[in-house]
Amino acid sequence: MSETVFDYDESSDTLYVSFAPNEIATGVELNEHILLRLNKAGRRAVGITFFEYSVLAQKTEIGPRSFPLTGLPELAADLRELVIEILRKPPVSEILLLSAYTPSLIEAIPITFIHPLPIAGNAA
């Protein structure tokens, strides 16, 4: 893969992160603010788009903001498995950190937060 490219559009507050610029990809909505672009055949990430990036990257007095991955349950089982595999390894795991919110012993809701990025000072 080529070097990661960060492109922040201040007017729309959108951050485009490309791991493989110009590669054809399938978009998977992780939630209303995060779109993962992936090469299904190659089982790899092509990029991530963050909408309302300044809100996603904003810290709270307790720590980083976490967001549920509400799009995962909507995916077919095989695609969900592939997306989780991609999210758990570099280069995506260097940007999005995964965790789970467990409101009960039998329920686990996947959540994520954004690891500080090189452009964070310019966007947040």
N, C-alpha and C. Protein backbone atom coordinates (compact mmCIF):
# COMPACT_ATOMS: atom_id res chain seq x y z
N MET A 1 0.83 -1.19 0.00
CA MET A 1 0.00 0.00 0.00
C MET A 1 0.87 1.24 0.00
N SER A 2 0.33 2.32 -0.54
CA SER A 2 1.06 3.57 -0.56
C SER A 2 0.92 4.29 0.78
N GLU A 3 1.59 5.42 0.89
CA GLU A 3 1.53 6.20 2.12
C GLU A 3 0.12 6.75 2.33
N THR A 4 -0.31 6.80 3.58
CA THR A 4 -1.63 7.32 3.90
C THR A 4 -1.71 8.82 3.60
N VAL A 5 -2.81 9.21 2.96
CA VAL A 5 -3.03 10.61 2.59
C VAL A 5 -4.23 11.13 3.39
N PHE A 6 -4.04 12.27 4.06
CA PHE A 6 -5.10 12.92 4.81
C PHE A 6 -5.50 14.18 4.06
N ASP A 7 -6.81 14.33 3.81
CA ASP A 7 -7.31 15.51 3.10
C ASP A 7 -8.52 16.02 3.85
N TYR A 8 -8.36 17.16 4.52
CA TYR A 8 -9.45 17.74 5.31
C TYR A 8 -10.08 18.90 4.56
N ASP A 9 -11.40 18.84 4.39
CA ASP A 9 -12.17 19.92 3.76
C ASP A 9 -12.87 20.70 4.88
N GLU A 10 -12.33 21.86 5.19
CA GLU A 10 -12.84 22.65 6.31
C GLU A 10 -14.28 23.10 6.10
N SER A 11 -14.65 23.47 4.87
CA SER A 11 -16.00 23.98 4.64
C SER A 11 -17.08 22.94 4.91
N SER A 12 -16.80 21.66 4.64
CA SER A 12 -17.80 20.62 4.93
C SER A 12 -17.45 19.84 6.19
N ASP A 13 -16.31 20.16 6.83
CA ASP A 13 -15.83 19.47 8.02
C ASP A 13 -15.74 17.96 7.77
N THR A 14 -15.14 17.63 6.62
CA THR A 14 -14.99 16.23 6.21
C THR A 14 -13.51 15.90 6.08
N LEU A 15 -13.12 14.79 6.68
CA LEU A 15 -11.75 14.30 6.55
C LEU A 15 -11.76 13.05 5.70
N TYR A 16 -10.98 13.08 4.63
CA TYR A 16 -10.81 11.92 3.77
C TYR A 16 -9.44 11.32 4.07
N VAL A 17 -9.42 10.05 4.40
CA VAL A 17 -8.17 9.34 4.65
C VAL A 17 -8.07 8.26 3.59
N SER A 18 -6.99 8.32 2.79
CA SER A 18 -6.81 7.35 1.72
C SER A 18 -5.57 6.51 1.98
N PHE A 19 -5.77 5.20 1.98
CA PHE A 19 -4.66 4.26 2.12
C PHE A 19 -4.19 3.80 0.74
N ALA A 20 -5.09 3.80 -0.22
CA ALA A 20 -4.79 3.38 -1.59
C ALA A 20 -5.52 4.32 -2.54
N PRO A 21 -4.97 5.53 -2.73
CA PRO A 21 -5.64 6.51 -3.59
C PRO A 21 -5.93 5.94 -4.98
N ASN A 22 -7.09 6.29 -5.50
CA ASN A 22 -7.54 5.91 -6.85
C ASN A 22 -7.91 4.43 -7.00
N GLU A 23 -7.90 3.67 -5.92
CA GLU A 23 -8.33 2.27 -6.02
C GLU A 23 -9.85 2.20 -5.89
N ILE A 24 -10.48 1.40 -6.71
CA ILE A 24 -11.93 1.23 -6.67
C ILE A 24 -12.29 0.52 -5.37
N ALA A 25 -13.36 1.02 -4.72
CA ALA A 25 -13.71 0.49 -3.41
C ALA A 25 -15.21 0.42 -3.22
N THR A 26 -15.61 -0.37 -2.24
CA THR A 26 -16.99 -0.47 -1.80
C THR A 26 -17.10 0.33 -0.51
N GLY A 27 -18.13 1.18 -0.41
CA GLY A 27 -18.34 1.96 0.81
C GLY A 27 -19.23 1.23 1.78
N VAL A 28 -18.83 1.23 3.05
CA VAL A 28 -19.62 0.62 4.12
C VAL A 28 -19.82 1.67 5.21
N GLU A 29 -21.08 1.99 5.47
CA GLU A 29 -21.40 2.99 6.49
C GLU A 29 -21.29 2.35 7.88
N LEU A 30 -20.29 2.78 8.65
CA LEU A 30 -20.13 2.27 10.01
C LEU A 30 -21.10 2.95 10.95
N ASN A 31 -21.34 4.22 10.72
CA ASN A 31 -22.40 4.98 11.37
C ASN A 31 -22.64 6.20 10.51
N GLU A 32 -23.46 7.12 10.93
CA GLU A 32 -23.80 8.25 10.06
C GLU A 32 -22.63 9.21 9.83
N HIS A 33 -21.52 9.04 10.56
CA HIS A 33 -20.38 9.94 10.43
C HIS A 33 -19.12 9.27 9.88
N ILE A 34 -19.12 7.95 9.75
CA ILE A 34 -17.90 7.24 9.34
C ILE A 34 -18.22 6.27 8.22
N LEU A 35 -17.52 6.44 7.10
CA LEU A 35 -17.68 5.57 5.94
C LEU A 35 -16.34 4.88 5.68
N LEU A 36 -16.35 3.56 5.75
CA LEU A 36 -15.16 2.76 5.45
C LEU A 36 -15.21 2.37 3.99
N ARG A 37 -14.11 2.60 3.27
CA ARG A 37 -14.02 2.18 1.88
C ARG A 37 -13.07 0.99 1.85
N LEU A 38 -13.51 -0.10 1.23
CA LEU A 38 -12.70 -1.31 1.24
C LEU A 38 -12.70 -2.02 -0.09
N ASN A 39 -11.66 -2.80 -0.27
CA ASN A 39 -11.52 -3.68 -1.43
C ASN A 39 -11.92 -5.06 -0.92
N LYS A 40 -13.12 -5.50 -1.26
CA LYS A 40 -13.62 -6.77 -0.73
C LYS A 40 -12.78 -7.94 -1.19
N ALA A 41 -12.41 -7.98 -2.46
CA ALA A 41 -11.63 -9.10 -2.98
C ALA A 41 -10.25 -9.16 -2.32
N GLY A 42 -9.64 -8.00 -2.11
CA GLY A 42 -8.32 -7.95 -1.49
C GLY A 42 -8.36 -7.98 0.02
N ARG A 43 -9.58 -7.89 0.60
CA ARG A 43 -9.78 -7.92 2.05
C ARG A 43 -8.92 -6.86 2.75
N ARG A 44 -8.99 -5.62 2.20
CA ARG A 44 -8.19 -4.54 2.77
C ARG A 44 -8.94 -3.21 2.69
N ALA A 45 -8.52 -2.31 3.55
CA ALA A 45 -9.08 -0.95 3.56
C ALA A 45 -8.47 -0.13 2.44
N VAL A 46 -9.30 0.68 1.80
CA VAL A 46 -8.86 1.62 0.79
C VAL A 46 -8.85 3.03 1.39
N GLY A 47 -9.78 3.30 2.30
CA GLY A 47 -9.84 4.60 2.94
C GLY A 47 -10.98 4.72 3.92
N ILE A 48 -11.03 5.84 4.59
CA ILE A 48 -12.10 6.15 5.55
C ILE A 48 -12.48 7.61 5.33
N THR A 49 -13.77 7.89 5.39
CA THR A 49 -14.26 9.26 5.33
C THR A 49 -14.96 9.56 6.64
N PHE A 50 -14.60 10.70 7.24
CA PHE A 50 -15.22 11.15 8.49
C PHE A 50 -16.02 12.41 8.21
N PHE A 51 -17.33 12.35 8.39
CA PHE A 51 -18.20 13.50 8.24
C PHE A 51 -18.35 14.16 9.60
N GLU A 52 -18.36 15.49 9.65
CA GLU A 52 -18.38 16.24 10.90
C GLU A 52 -17.18 15.84 11.76
N TYR A 53 -16.03 15.83 11.11
CA TYR A 53 -14.80 15.37 11.75
C TYR A 53 -14.49 16.10 13.06
N SER A 54 -14.67 17.42 13.09
CA SER A 54 -14.33 18.17 14.30
C SER A 54 -15.13 17.70 15.51
N VAL A 55 -16.36 17.25 15.28
CA VAL A 55 -17.17 16.71 16.38
C VAL A 55 -16.65 15.34 16.79
N LEU A 56 -16.32 14.51 15.82
CA LEU A 56 -15.81 13.16 16.13
C LEU A 56 -14.49 13.22 16.90
N ALA A 57 -13.63 14.16 16.55
CA ALA A 57 -12.30 14.24 17.15
C ALA A 57 -12.27 15.05 18.43
N GLN A 58 -13.36 15.71 18.75
CA GLN A 58 -13.41 16.57 19.93
C GLN A 58 -13.31 15.75 21.21
N LYS A 59 -12.45 16.20 22.11
CA LYS A 59 -12.29 15.53 23.40
C LYS A 59 -13.37 16.03 24.38
N THR A 60 -13.68 15.20 25.34
CA THR A 60 -14.56 15.60 26.43
C THR A 60 -13.70 15.78 27.68
N GLU A 61 -14.29 16.23 28.75
CA GLU A 61 -13.52 16.40 29.99
C GLU A 61 -13.08 15.05 30.56
N ILE A 62 -13.71 13.97 30.12
CA ILE A 62 -13.38 12.63 30.62
C ILE A 62 -12.39 11.92 29.71
N GLY A 63 -12.45 12.21 28.42
CA GLY A 63 -11.58 11.54 27.46
C GLY A 63 -12.16 11.67 26.06
N PRO A 64 -11.70 10.82 25.13
CA PRO A 64 -12.20 10.93 23.75
C PRO A 64 -13.67 10.53 23.64
N ARG A 65 -14.33 11.11 22.65
CA ARG A 65 -15.72 10.74 22.37
C ARG A 65 -15.74 9.36 21.70
N SER A 66 -16.67 8.54 22.09
CA SER A 66 -16.86 7.23 21.46
C SER A 66 -18.20 7.25 20.73
N PHE A 67 -18.26 6.46 19.65
CA PHE A 67 -19.46 6.41 18.83
C PHE A 67 -19.82 4.97 18.53
N PRO A 68 -21.11 4.63 18.62
CA PRO A 68 -21.51 3.26 18.27
C PRO A 68 -21.38 3.01 16.78
N LEU A 69 -21.02 1.80 16.44
CA LEU A 69 -20.93 1.39 15.03
C LEU A 69 -22.29 0.82 14.63
N THR A 70 -23.25 1.70 14.47
CA THR A 70 -24.64 1.33 14.22
C THR A 70 -24.85 0.65 12.87
N GLY A 71 -23.91 0.81 11.96
CA GLY A 71 -24.04 0.19 10.64
C GLY A 71 -23.71 -1.29 10.63
N LEU A 72 -22.93 -1.78 11.58
CA LEU A 72 -22.53 -3.18 11.57
C LEU A 72 -23.70 -4.16 11.60
N PRO A 73 -24.69 -3.97 12.48
CA PRO A 73 -25.80 -4.93 12.50
C PRO A 73 -26.59 -5.00 11.20
N GLU A 74 -26.50 -3.94 10.38
CA GLU A 74 -27.24 -3.88 9.12
C GLU A 74 -26.58 -4.69 8.01
N LEU A 75 -25.32 -5.10 8.22
CA LEU A 75 -24.57 -5.80 7.17
C LEU A 75 -24.85 -7.29 7.17
N ALA A 76 -24.71 -7.91 6.01
CA ALA A 76 -24.77 -9.37 5.92
C ALA A 76 -23.64 -9.93 6.78
N ALA A 77 -23.82 -11.11 7.32
CA ALA A 77 -22.86 -11.70 8.25
C ALA A 77 -21.45 -11.77 7.67
N ASP A 78 -21.30 -12.19 6.42
CA ASP A 78 -19.96 -12.30 5.84
C ASP A 78 -19.29 -10.94 5.65
N LEU A 79 -20.06 -9.93 5.26
CA LEU A 79 -19.51 -8.59 5.11
C LEU A 79 -19.17 -8.00 6.48
N ARG A 80 -20.02 -8.22 7.46
CA ARG A 80 -19.76 -7.74 8.83
C ARG A 80 -18.45 -8.34 9.35
N GLU A 81 -18.25 -9.62 9.12
CA GLU A 81 -17.03 -10.30 9.54
C GLU A 81 -15.80 -9.68 8.86
N LEU A 82 -15.91 -9.41 7.56
CA LEU A 82 -14.80 -8.79 6.82
C LEU A 82 -14.52 -7.39 7.35
N VAL A 83 -15.55 -6.61 7.59
CA VAL A 83 -15.37 -5.24 8.09
C VAL A 83 -14.68 -5.26 9.45
N ILE A 84 -15.10 -6.13 10.34
CA ILE A 84 -14.46 -6.23 11.66
C ILE A 84 -13.00 -6.64 11.52
N GLU A 85 -12.73 -7.57 10.63
CA GLU A 85 -11.35 -7.99 10.37
C GLU A 85 -10.51 -6.79 9.92
N ILE A 86 -11.03 -6.00 9.01
CA ILE A 86 -10.31 -4.82 8.49
C ILE A 86 -10.14 -3.76 9.58
N LEU A 87 -11.16 -3.55 10.39
CA LEU A 87 -11.09 -2.55 11.45
C LEU A 87 -10.05 -2.90 12.51
N ARG A 88 -9.78 -4.17 12.69
CA ARG A 88 -8.89 -4.62 13.76
C ARG A 88 -7.41 -4.66 13.38
N LYS A 89 -7.09 -4.34 12.12
CA LYS A 89 -5.68 -4.40 11.71
C LYS A 89 -5.26 -3.09 11.04
N PRO A 90 -3.94 -2.84 11.03
CA PRO A 90 -3.46 -1.63 10.35
C PRO A 90 -3.81 -1.67 8.87
N PRO A 91 -4.03 -0.54 8.26
CA PRO A 91 -3.83 0.81 8.79
C PRO A 91 -5.04 1.37 9.54
N VAL A 92 -6.20 0.71 9.45
CA VAL A 92 -7.40 1.26 10.08
C VAL A 92 -7.26 1.30 11.60
N SER A 93 -6.69 0.26 12.20
CA SER A 93 -6.56 0.21 13.66
C SER A 93 -5.65 1.30 14.21
N GLU A 94 -4.87 1.93 13.34
CA GLU A 94 -4.03 3.04 13.77
C GLU A 94 -4.81 4.35 13.84
N ILE A 95 -6.03 4.34 13.30
CA ILE A 95 -6.87 5.53 13.26
C ILE A 95 -8.13 5.36 14.11
N LEU A 96 -8.81 4.24 13.94
CA LEU A 96 -10.02 3.94 14.71
C LEU A 96 -9.70 2.88 15.75
N LEU A 97 -10.01 3.18 16.99
CA LEU A 97 -9.81 2.21 18.06
C LEU A 97 -11.16 1.62 18.43
N LEU A 98 -11.23 0.30 18.45
CA LEU A 98 -12.49 -0.39 18.73
C LEU A 98 -12.60 -0.78 20.18
N SER A 99 -13.83 -0.82 20.63
CA SER A 99 -14.15 -1.25 21.98
C SER A 99 -15.59 -1.74 21.95
N ALA A 100 -16.10 -2.08 23.12
CA ALA A 100 -17.50 -2.49 23.21
C ALA A 100 -18.12 -1.91 24.46
N TYR A 101 -19.32 -1.40 24.30
CA TYR A 101 -20.12 -0.95 25.43
C TYR A 101 -20.99 -2.13 25.80
N THR A 102 -20.98 -2.51 27.06
CA THR A 102 -21.74 -3.69 27.49
C THR A 102 -22.78 -3.28 28.53
N PRO A 103 -23.98 -2.93 28.07
CA PRO A 103 -25.03 -2.52 29.01
C PRO A 103 -25.54 -3.67 29.87
N SER A 104 -25.26 -4.91 29.46
CA SER A 104 -25.62 -6.09 30.27
C SER A 104 -24.60 -7.18 29.97
N LEU A 105 -24.65 -8.26 30.71
CA LEU A 105 -23.70 -9.34 30.51
C LEU A 105 -23.87 -10.05 29.17
N ILE A 106 -25.04 -9.92 28.56
CA ILE A 106 -25.29 -10.63 27.31
C ILE A 106 -25.30 -9.72 26.08
N GLU A 107 -25.16 -8.41 26.29
CA GLU A 107 -25.21 -7.48 25.16
C GLU A 107 -23.90 -6.71 25.06
N ALA A 108 -23.34 -6.67 23.86
CA ALA A 108 -22.13 -5.90 23.59
C ALA A 108 -22.37 -5.06 22.34
N ILE A 109 -22.22 -3.77 22.47
CA ILE A 109 -22.42 -2.84 21.35
C ILE A 109 -21.04 -2.35 20.91
N PRO A 110 -20.65 -2.61 19.65
CA PRO A 110 -19.34 -2.15 19.19
C PRO A 110 -19.31 -0.63 19.10
N ILE A 111 -18.24 -0.05 19.64
CA ILE A 111 -18.05 1.39 19.58
C ILE A 111 -16.64 1.69 19.10
N THR A 112 -16.41 2.93 18.71
CA THR A 112 -15.10 3.34 18.24
C THR A 112 -14.82 4.76 18.66
N PHE A 113 -13.54 5.11 18.69
CA PHE A 113 -13.15 6.50 18.79
C PHE A 113 -11.94 6.71 17.91
N ILE A 114 -11.71 7.96 17.55
CA ILE A 114 -10.63 8.30 16.62
C ILE A 114 -9.35 8.56 17.39
N HIS A 115 -8.33 7.86 17.00
CA HIS A 115 -7.00 8.09 17.55
C HIS A 115 -6.53 9.45 17.05
N PRO A 116 -5.80 10.21 17.85
CA PRO A 116 -5.33 11.52 17.36
C PRO A 116 -4.60 11.39 16.02
N LEU A 117 -4.96 12.26 15.10
CA LEU A 117 -4.41 12.22 13.74
C LEU A 117 -3.50 13.41 13.50
N PRO A 118 -2.61 13.31 12.52
CA PRO A 118 -1.66 14.40 12.24
C PRO A 118 -2.34 15.73 11.94
N ILE A 119 -3.54 15.71 11.43
CA ILE A 119 -4.22 16.97 11.05
C ILE A 119 -5.16 17.44 12.15
N ALA A 120 -5.23 16.73 13.27
CA ALA A 120 -6.20 17.05 14.32
C ALA A 120 -6.14 18.51 14.77
N GLY A 121 -4.94 19.09 14.84
CA GLY A 121 -4.82 20.47 15.25
C GLY A 121 -5.46 21.44 14.27
N ASN A 122 -5.53 21.06 13.00
CA ASN A 122 -6.12 21.92 11.98
C ASN A 122 -7.62 21.80 11.92
N ALA A 123 -8.18 20.66 12.37
CA ALA A 123 -9.61 20.43 12.17
C ALA A 123 -10.42 20.59 13.43
N ALA A 124 -9.90 20.22 14.56
CA ALA A 124 -10.71 20.22 15.78
C ALA A 124 -10.68 21.55 16.48
